[in-house]
């Protein structure tokens, strides 16, 4: 079997195994600390994509099933980000920026009629935006908590000068958290010059014109900027208000 971009068969399977092994080996030999995680992540990705491909084919005709699937995506994104930010699954507050950031944009697009009310359209758009919100929340939350811990003296000095606890924490963590927007900004600035992102390639390979593919990719990039800006803003507020804390010990 083959697609427009790849020849799907035994050679592809071997290539995937070799690439995974090479990435894990480099991480291990370079003492980057993620050799095993790379292998596990690749294996999970293969199993999950196979299962999701079959599941999506079965549920796209039903809006109720589509809504349930999007709910599962949100739940998994929340658990994943909570473990990354707080070191445990108890940091459920990360669900606020993820849900508000992504679902508000998805809902607005549906109400405006930009995204048709069909599972085949809702699932990929929601998946992209939820994934962006999760990544931005994880980066902003982790950077904020690290900054507060590292610059505790500055926070206490700000408190001594009369700032509220919220303002004192914001003073040190807001600039660091803002760095979570850099990947999305760089991708948007260089699209078409450095990379051709997935949405563009996917639409193009699906038979659409290059213009249609470009418009679709622009929509995805701008949507991600909006979602991630909201997610980072809310994450910083949660840290400043003490709702998100690093795991004890």
C-alpha atoms as a PDB file:
ATOM      1  CA  UNK A   1       0.000   0.000   0.000  1.00  0.00           C
ATOM      2  CA  UNK A   2       1.219   3.554  -0.669  1.00  0.00           C
ATOM      3  CA  UNK A   3       0.154   7.157  -0.146  1.00  0.00           C
ATOM      4  CA  UNK A   4       1.145  10.287  -2.019  1.00  0.00           C
ATOM      5  CA  UNK A   5       3.945  10.985   0.454  1.00  0.00           C
ATOM      6  CA  UNK A   6       5.048   7.572   1.765  1.00  0.00           C
ATOM      7  CA  UNK A   7       5.319   3.993   0.595  1.00  0.00           C
ATOM      8  CA  UNK A   8       3.566   2.075   3.360  1.00  0.00           C
ATOM      9  CA  UNK A   9       5.022  -1.373   3.864  1.00  0.00           C
ATOM     10  CA  UNK A  10       7.789  -3.360   5.585  1.00  0.00           C
ATOM     11  CA  UNK A  11      10.459  -0.797   4.675  1.00  0.00           C
ATOM     12  CA  UNK A  12       8.532   1.960   6.445  1.00  0.00           C
ATOM     13  CA  UNK A  13       8.185  -0.207   9.552  1.00  0.00           C
ATOM     14  CA  UNK A  14      11.927  -0.840   9.572  1.00  0.00           C
ATOM     15  CA  UNK A  15      12.624   2.879   9.087  1.00  0.00           C
ATOM     16  CA  UNK A  16      10.424   3.756  12.065  1.00  0.00           C
ATOM     17  CA  UNK A  17      12.207   1.232  14.288  1.00  0.00           C
ATOM     18  CA  UNK A  18      15.634   2.464  13.195  1.00  0.00           C
ATOM     19  CA  UNK A  19      14.725   6.129  13.735  1.00  0.00           C
ATOM     20  CA  UNK A  20      13.333   5.377  17.196  1.00  0.00           C
ATOM     21  CA  UNK A  21      16.405   3.356  18.149  1.00  0.00           C
ATOM     22  CA  UNK A  22      18.722   6.106  16.871  1.00  0.00           C
ATOM     23  CA  UNK A  23      16.898   8.813  18.825  1.00  0.00           C
ATOM     24  CA  UNK A  24      16.921   6.718  22.001  1.00  0.00           C
ATOM     25  CA  UNK A  25      20.607   5.850  21.565  1.00  0.00           C
ATOM     26  CA  UNK A  26      21.637   9.484  21.076  1.00  0.00           C
ATOM     27  CA  UNK A  27      19.629  10.551  24.124  1.00  0.00           C
ATOM     28  CA  UNK A  28      21.200   7.766  26.194  1.00  0.00           C
ATOM     29  CA  UNK A  29      24.781   8.247  25.019  1.00  0.00           C
ATOM     30  CA  UNK A  30      24.459  12.004  25.344  1.00  0.00           C
ATOM     31  CA  UNK A  31      23.106  11.595  28.886  1.00  0.00           C
ATOM     32  CA  UNK A  32      19.999  13.596  28.024  1.00  0.00           C
ATOM     33  CA  UNK A  33      17.930  11.394  30.310  1.00  0.00           C
ATOM     34  CA  UNK A  34      15.126  10.466  27.912  1.00  0.00           C
ATOM     35  CA  UNK A  35      16.371   7.391  26.079  1.00  0.00           C
ATOM     36  CA  UNK A  36      13.761   5.012  27.482  1.00  0.00           C
ATOM     37  CA  UNK A  37      11.004   7.622  27.251  1.00  0.00           C
ATOM     38  CA  UNK A  38      11.668   8.075  23.522  1.00  0.00           C
ATOM     39  CA  UNK A  39      11.211   4.365  22.858  1.00  0.00           C
ATOM     40  CA  UNK A  40       8.092   4.204  25.010  1.00  0.00           C
ATOM     41  CA  UNK A  41       6.640   7.335  23.397  1.00  0.00           C
ATOM     42  CA  UNK A  42       7.179   5.950  19.897  1.00  0.00           C
ATOM     43  CA  UNK A  43       5.550   2.644  20.823  1.00  0.00           C
ATOM     44  CA  UNK A  44       2.599   4.365  22.434  1.00  0.00           C
ATOM     45  CA  UNK A  45       2.197   6.665  19.451  1.00  0.00           C
ATOM     46  CA  UNK A  46       2.033   3.701  17.067  1.00  0.00           C
ATOM     47  CA  UNK A  47      -0.551   1.862  19.159  1.00  0.00           C
ATOM     48  CA  UNK A  48      -2.632   4.953  19.876  1.00  0.00           C
ATOM     49  CA  UNK A  49      -2.695   6.151  16.269  1.00  0.00           C
ATOM     50  CA  UNK A  50      -3.778   2.722  15.071  1.00  0.00           C
ATOM     51  CA  UNK A  51      -6.594   2.615  17.608  1.00  0.00           C
ATOM     52  CA  UNK A  52      -7.641   6.225  17.025  1.00  0.00           C
ATOM     53  CA  UNK A  53      -7.696   5.769  13.250  1.00  0.00           C
ATOM     54  CA  UNK A  54     -10.175   2.924  13.600  1.00  0.00           C
ATOM     55  CA  UNK A  55     -12.190   4.790  16.229  1.00  0.00           C
ATOM     56  CA  UNK A  56     -12.495   8.015  14.257  1.00  0.00           C
ATOM     57  CA  UNK A  57     -13.714   6.141  11.206  1.00  0.00           C
ATOM     58  CA  UNK A  58     -16.510   4.722  13.354  1.00  0.00           C
ATOM     59  CA  UNK A  59     -17.602   7.902  15.184  1.00  0.00           C
ATOM     60  CA  UNK A  60     -17.366  10.791  12.717  1.00  0.00           C
ATOM     61  CA  UNK A  61     -20.961  10.289  11.585  1.00  0.00           C
ATOM     62  CA  UNK A  62     -22.297  10.967  15.107  1.00  0.00           C
ATOM     63  CA  UNK A  63     -22.051  14.383  16.777  1.00  0.00           C
ATOM     64  CA  UNK A  64     -22.622  12.812  20.202  1.00  0.00           C
ATOM     65  CA  UNK A  65     -19.750  10.388  19.658  1.00  0.00           C
ATOM     66  CA  UNK A  66     -17.619  13.246  18.357  1.00  0.00           C
ATOM     67  CA  UNK A  67     -18.350  15.291  21.498  1.00  0.00           C
ATOM     68  CA  UNK A  68     -17.427  12.306  23.672  1.00  0.00           C
ATOM     69  CA  UNK A  69     -14.170  11.858  21.802  1.00  0.00           C
ATOM     70  CA  UNK A  70     -13.269  15.545  22.216  1.00  0.00           C
ATOM     71  CA  UNK A  71     -14.024  15.213  25.944  1.00  0.00           C
ATOM     72  CA  UNK A  72     -11.589  12.310  26.170  1.00  0.00           C
ATOM     73  CA  UNK A  73      -8.943  14.375  24.370  1.00  0.00           C
ATOM     74  CA  UNK A  74      -9.413  17.184  26.895  1.00  0.00           C
ATOM     75  CA  UNK A  75      -9.154  14.778  29.817  1.00  0.00           C
ATOM     76  CA  UNK A  76      -5.958  13.177  28.528  1.00  0.00           C
ATOM     77  CA  UNK A  77      -4.447  16.611  27.801  1.00  0.00           C
ATOM     78  CA  UNK A  78      -5.270  17.744  31.356  1.00  0.00           C
ATOM     79  CA  UNK A  79      -3.714  14.675  32.990  1.00  0.00           C
ATOM     80  CA  UNK A  80      -0.612  14.923  30.800  1.00  0.00           C
ATOM     81  CA  UNK A  81      -0.094  18.615  31.509  1.00  0.00           C
ATOM     82  CA  UNK A  82      -0.810  18.184  35.225  1.00  0.00           C
ATOM     83  CA  UNK A  83       1.933  15.594  35.536  1.00  0.00           C
ATOM     84  CA  UNK A  84       4.335  17.809  33.604  1.00  0.00           C
ATOM     85  CA  UNK A  85       3.606  20.962  35.611  1.00  0.00           C
ATOM     86  CA  UNK A  86       3.090  19.675  39.152  1.00  0.00           C
ATOM     87  CA  UNK A  87       4.828  16.315  39.018  1.00  0.00           C
ATOM     88  CA  UNK A  88       1.569  14.485  39.756  1.00  0.00           C
ATOM     89  CA  UNK A  89      -1.947  14.088  38.448  1.00  0.00           C
ATOM     90  CA  UNK A  90      -3.314  16.293  41.230  1.00  0.00           C
ATOM     91  CA  UNK A  91      -2.661  19.520  39.360  1.00  0.00           C
ATOM     92  CA  UNK A  92      -6.094  19.400  37.754  1.00  0.00           C
ATOM     93  CA  UNK A  93      -6.221  23.203  37.635  1.00  0.00           C
ATOM     94  CA  UNK A  94      -4.247  22.982  34.381  1.00  0.00           C
ATOM     95  CA  UNK A  95      -7.516  21.856  32.822  1.00  0.00           C
ATOM     96  CA  UNK A  96      -8.803  25.416  33.070  1.00  0.00           C
ATOM     97  CA  UNK A  97      -6.390  27.016  30.579  1.00  0.00           C
ATOM     98  CA  UNK A  98      -6.536  23.970  28.314  1.00  0.00           C
ATOM     99  CA  UNK A  99     -10.329  23.878  28.172  1.00  0.00           C
ATOM    100  CA  UNK A 100     -10.941  27.622  28.103  1.00  0.00           C
ATOM    101  CA  UNK A 101      -8.232  28.241  25.535  1.00  0.00           C
ATOM    102  CA  UNK A 102      -9.152  25.487  23.088  1.00  0.00           C
ATOM    103  CA  UNK A 103     -12.894  24.948  23.449  1.00  0.00           C
ATOM    104  CA  UNK A 104     -13.758  28.644  23.417  1.00  0.00           C
ATOM    105  CA  UNK A 105     -12.060  28.965  20.033  1.00  0.00           C
ATOM    106  CA  UNK A 106     -13.609  25.748  18.696  1.00  0.00           C
ATOM    107  CA  UNK A 107     -17.045  26.842  19.901  1.00  0.00           C
ATOM    108  CA  UNK A 108     -16.649  30.281  18.350  1.00  0.00           C
ATOM    109  CA  UNK A 109     -15.606  28.780  15.015  1.00  0.00           C
ATOM    110  CA  UNK A 110     -18.592  26.439  15.054  1.00  0.00           C
ATOM    111  CA  UNK A 111     -21.011  29.255  15.891  1.00  0.00           C
ATOM    112  CA  UNK A 112     -19.539  31.436  13.158  1.00  0.00           C
ATOM    113  CA  UNK A 113     -19.897  28.630  10.637  1.00  0.00           C
ATOM    114  CA  UNK A 114     -16.178  28.610   9.827  1.00  0.00           C
ATOM    115  CA  UNK A 115     -15.908  24.975  10.900  1.00  0.00           C
ATOM    116  CA  UNK A 116     -18.842  22.818   9.728  1.00  0.00           C
ATOM    117  CA  UNK A 117     -20.815  20.938  12.368  1.00  0.00           C
ATOM    118  CA  UNK A 118     -19.498  17.552  11.296  1.00  0.00           C
ATOM    119  CA  UNK A 119     -17.284  15.097  13.134  1.00  0.00           C
ATOM    120  CA  UNK A 120     -14.791  14.847  10.295  1.00  0.00           C
ATOM    121  CA  UNK A 121     -14.129  18.607  10.653  1.00  0.00           C
ATOM    122  CA  UNK A 122     -14.510  19.037  14.426  1.00  0.00           C
ATOM    123  CA  UNK A 123     -12.152  16.261  15.539  1.00  0.00           C
ATOM    124  CA  UNK A 124      -8.981  17.396  13.708  1.00  0.00           C
ATOM    125  CA  UNK A 125      -9.541  21.088  14.506  1.00  0.00           C
ATOM    126  CA  UNK A 126     -10.246  20.370  18.175  1.00  0.00           C
ATOM    127  CA  UNK A 127      -7.285  18.000  18.359  1.00  0.00           C
ATOM    128  CA  UNK A 128      -4.859  20.578  16.984  1.00  0.00           C
ATOM    129  CA  UNK A 129      -6.096  23.344  19.286  1.00  0.00           C
ATOM    130  CA  UNK A 130      -6.290  21.160  22.407  1.00  0.00           C
ATOM    131  CA  UNK A 131      -2.753  19.935  21.713  1.00  0.00           C
ATOM    132  CA  UNK A 132      -1.515  23.502  21.367  1.00  0.00           C
ATOM    133  CA  UNK A 133      -3.214  24.543  24.595  1.00  0.00           C
ATOM    134  CA  UNK A 134      -1.722  21.547  26.408  1.00  0.00           C
ATOM    135  CA  UNK A 135       1.799  22.321  25.219  1.00  0.00           C
ATOM    136  CA  UNK A 136       1.543  26.017  26.069  1.00  0.00           C
ATOM    137  CA  UNK A 137       0.082  25.258  29.507  1.00  0.00           C
ATOM    138  CA  UNK A 138       2.796  22.730  30.304  1.00  0.00           C
ATOM    139  CA  UNK A 139       5.605  25.056  29.234  1.00  0.00           C
ATOM    140  CA  UNK A 140       4.172  28.128  30.935  1.00  0.00           C
ATOM    141  CA  UNK A 141       3.331  26.281  34.137  1.00  0.00           C
ATOM    142  CA  UNK A 142       6.683  24.569  34.424  1.00  0.00           C
ATOM    143  CA  UNK A 143       8.655  27.720  33.624  1.00  0.00           C
ATOM    144  CA  UNK A 144       6.570  29.779  36.067  1.00  0.00           C
ATOM    145  CA  UNK A 145       6.986  27.372  38.969  1.00  0.00           C
ATOM    146  CA  UNK A 146      10.710  26.987  38.321  1.00  0.00           C
ATOM    147  CA  UNK A 147      11.133  30.744  38.201  1.00  0.00           C
ATOM    148  CA  UNK A 148       9.224  31.291  41.447  1.00  0.00           C
ATOM    149  CA  UNK A 149      11.328  28.634  43.190  1.00  0.00           C
ATOM    150  CA  UNK A 150      14.608  29.999  41.839  1.00  0.00           C
ATOM    151  CA  UNK A 151      13.803  33.644  42.534  1.00  0.00           C
ATOM    152  CA  UNK A 152      12.064  33.218  45.862  1.00  0.00           C
ATOM    153  CA  UNK A 153      14.188  35.998  47.336  1.00  0.00           C
ATOM    154  CA  UNK A 154      12.864  38.475  44.781  1.00  0.00           C
ATOM    155  CA  UNK A 155       9.300  37.454  45.535  1.00  0.00           C
ATOM    156  CA  UNK A 156       9.856  38.024  49.254  1.00  0.00           C
ATOM    157  CA  UNK A 157      11.514  41.367  48.557  1.00  0.00           C
ATOM    158  CA  UNK A 158       8.512  42.447  46.481  1.00  0.00           C
ATOM    159  CA  UNK A 159       6.202  41.416  49.314  1.00  0.00           C
ATOM    160  CA  UNK A 160       8.305  43.475  51.751  1.00  0.00           C
ATOM    161  CA  UNK A 161       7.842  46.484  49.491  1.00  0.00           C
ATOM    162  CA  UNK A 162       4.077  46.153  49.770  1.00  0.00           C
ATOM    163  CA  UNK A 163       3.128  44.194  46.644  1.00  0.00           C
ATOM    164  CA  UNK A 164       0.318  41.668  46.946  1.00  0.00           C
ATOM    165  CA  UNK A 165       1.301  37.961  46.760  1.00  0.00           C
ATOM    166  CA  UNK A 166      -0.235  37.740  43.279  1.00  0.00           C
ATOM    167  CA  UNK A 167       1.680  40.760  41.962  1.00  0.00           C
ATOM    168  CA  UNK A 168       4.926  39.610  43.563  1.00  0.00           C
ATOM    169  CA  UNK A 169       4.732  36.221  41.846  1.00  0.00           C
ATOM    170  CA  UNK A 170       3.685  37.757  38.532  1.00  0.00           C
ATOM    171  CA  UNK A 171       6.723  40.007  38.672  1.00  0.00           C
ATOM    172  CA  UNK A 172       9.095  37.056  38.369  1.00  0.00           C
ATOM    173  CA  UNK A 173       7.114  34.410  36.498  1.00  0.00           C
ATOM    174  CA  UNK A 174       5.311  36.343  33.757  1.00  0.00           C
ATOM    175  CA  UNK A 175       8.397  36.971  31.540  1.00  0.00           C
ATOM    176  CA  UNK A 176       9.469  33.325  31.836  1.00  0.00           C
ATOM    177  CA  UNK A 177       5.990  31.993  31.093  1.00  0.00           C
ATOM    178  CA  UNK A 178       5.732  34.184  28.009  1.00  0.00           C
ATOM    179  CA  UNK A 179       8.510  32.086  26.455  1.00  0.00           C
ATOM    180  CA  UNK A 180       5.909  29.348  25.985  1.00  0.00           C
ATOM    181  CA  UNK A 181       4.576  31.359  23.032  1.00  0.00           C
ATOM    182  CA  UNK A 182       7.918  31.388  21.207  1.00  0.00           C
ATOM    183  CA  UNK A 183       7.493  28.047  19.337  1.00  0.00           C
ATOM    184  CA  UNK A 184       4.089  29.065  17.959  1.00  0.00           C
ATOM    185  CA  UNK A 185       5.368  32.518  17.047  1.00  0.00           C
ATOM    186  CA  UNK A 186       8.434  31.128  15.274  1.00  0.00           C
ATOM    187  CA  UNK A 187       6.350  28.578  13.382  1.00  0.00           C
ATOM    188  CA  UNK A 188       3.935  31.282  12.235  1.00  0.00           C
ATOM    189  CA  UNK A 189       6.693  33.694  11.226  1.00  0.00           C
ATOM    190  CA  UNK A 190       8.604  31.114   9.177  1.00  0.00           C
ATOM    191  CA  UNK A 191       5.764  29.058   7.685  1.00  0.00           C
ATOM    192  CA  UNK A 192       6.411  28.382   4.021  1.00  0.00           C
ATOM    193  CA  UNK A 193      10.033  29.567   4.316  1.00  0.00           C
ATOM    194  CA  UNK A 194      11.459  27.016   6.746  1.00  0.00           C
ATOM    195  CA  UNK A 195       8.755  24.360   7.069  1.00  0.00           C
ATOM    196  CA  UNK A 196       5.507  23.260   5.464  1.00  0.00           C
ATOM    197  CA  UNK A 197       3.400  22.251   8.495  1.00  0.00           C
ATOM    198  CA  UNK A 198       1.104  19.260   8.674  1.00  0.00           C
ATOM    199  CA  UNK A 199      -2.182  20.970   7.853  1.00  0.00           C
ATOM    200  CA  UNK A 200      -0.774  22.432   4.635  1.00  0.00           C
ATOM    201  CA  UNK A 201       0.735  19.140   3.523  1.00  0.00           C
ATOM    202  CA  UNK A 202      -2.334  17.126   4.522  1.00  0.00           C
ATOM    203  CA  UNK A 203      -4.784  19.336   2.633  1.00  0.00           C
ATOM    204  CA  UNK A 204      -2.471  19.476  -0.387  1.00  0.00           C
ATOM    205  CA  UNK A 205      -2.072  15.694  -0.479  1.00  0.00           C
ATOM    206  CA  UNK A 206      -5.835  15.369  -0.108  1.00  0.00           C
ATOM    207  CA  UNK A 207      -6.234  16.928  -3.538  1.00  0.00           C
ATOM    208  CA  UNK A 208      -6.972  20.567  -2.679  1.00  0.00           C
ATOM    209  CA  UNK A 209      -5.284  23.475  -4.428  1.00  0.00           C
ATOM    210  CA  UNK A 210      -2.133  25.051  -2.966  1.00  0.00           C
ATOM    211  CA  UNK A 211      -4.183  28.186  -2.225  1.00  0.00           C
ATOM    212  CA  UNK A 212      -6.750  26.212  -0.230  1.00  0.00           C
ATOM    213  CA  UNK A 213      -3.945  24.414   1.618  1.00  0.00           C
ATOM    214  CA  UNK A 214      -2.317  27.753   2.453  1.00  0.00           C
ATOM    215  CA  UNK A 215      -5.564  29.231   3.766  1.00  0.00           C
ATOM    216  CA  UNK A 216      -6.157  26.147   5.917  1.00  0.00           C
ATOM    217  CA  UNK A 217      -2.662  26.319   7.358  1.00  0.00           C
ATOM    218  CA  UNK A 218      -3.019  30.043   8.102  1.00  0.00           C
ATOM    219  CA  UNK A 219      -6.264  29.318   9.940  1.00  0.00           C
ATOM    220  CA  UNK A 220      -4.528  26.646  12.037  1.00  0.00           C
ATOM    221  CA  UNK A 221      -1.556  28.857  12.912  1.00  0.00           C
ATOM    222  CA  UNK A 222      -3.641  31.881  13.870  1.00  0.00           C
ATOM    223  CA  UNK A 223      -6.019  29.665  15.852  1.00  0.00           C
ATOM    224  CA  UNK A 224      -3.069  28.186  17.742  1.00  0.00           C
ATOM    225  CA  UNK A 225      -1.717  31.640  18.555  1.00  0.00           C
ATOM    226  CA  UNK A 226      -5.084  32.636  20.020  1.00  0.00           C
ATOM    227  CA  UNK A 227      -5.478  29.411  21.983  1.00  0.00           C
ATOM    228  CA  UNK A 228      -1.938  29.426  23.358  1.00  0.00           C
ATOM    229  CA  UNK A 229      -2.071  33.115  24.339  1.00  0.00           C
ATOM    230  CA  UNK A 230      -5.210  32.451  26.396  1.00  0.00           C
ATOM    231  CA  UNK A 231      -3.694  29.287  27.901  1.00  0.00           C
ATOM    232  CA  UNK A 232      -0.463  31.012  28.935  1.00  0.00           C
ATOM    233  CA  UNK A 233      -2.324  33.988  30.428  1.00  0.00           C
ATOM    234  CA  UNK A 234      -4.583  31.757  32.523  1.00  0.00           C
ATOM    235  CA  UNK A 235      -1.709  29.487  33.576  1.00  0.00           C
ATOM    236  CA  UNK A 236       0.276  32.434  34.887  1.00  0.00           C
ATOM    237  CA  UNK A 237      -2.771  33.652  36.808  1.00  0.00           C
ATOM    238  CA  UNK A 238      -3.256  30.215  38.376  1.00  0.00           C
ATOM    239  CA  UNK A 239       0.378  30.129  39.501  1.00  0.00           C
ATOM    240  CA  UNK A 240       0.192  33.682  40.836  1.00  0.00           C
ATOM    241  CA  UNK A 241      -2.952  32.875  42.804  1.00  0.00           C
ATOM    242  CA  UNK A 242      -1.431  29.701  44.269  1.00  0.00           C
ATOM    243  CA  UNK A 243      -3.730  27.288  42.474  1.00  0.00           C
ATOM    244  CA  UNK A 244      -0.824  25.576  40.725  1.00  0.00           C
ATOM    245  CA  UNK A 245       2.056  24.467  42.899  1.00  0.00           C
ATOM    246  CA  UNK A 246       5.019  22.182  42.369  1.00  0.00           C
ATOM    247  CA  UNK A 247       4.789  18.776  44.008  1.00  0.00           C
ATOM    248  CA  UNK A 248       6.182  18.739  47.536  1.00  0.00           C
ATOM    249  CA  UNK A 249       9.599  17.243  48.000  1.00  0.00           C
END
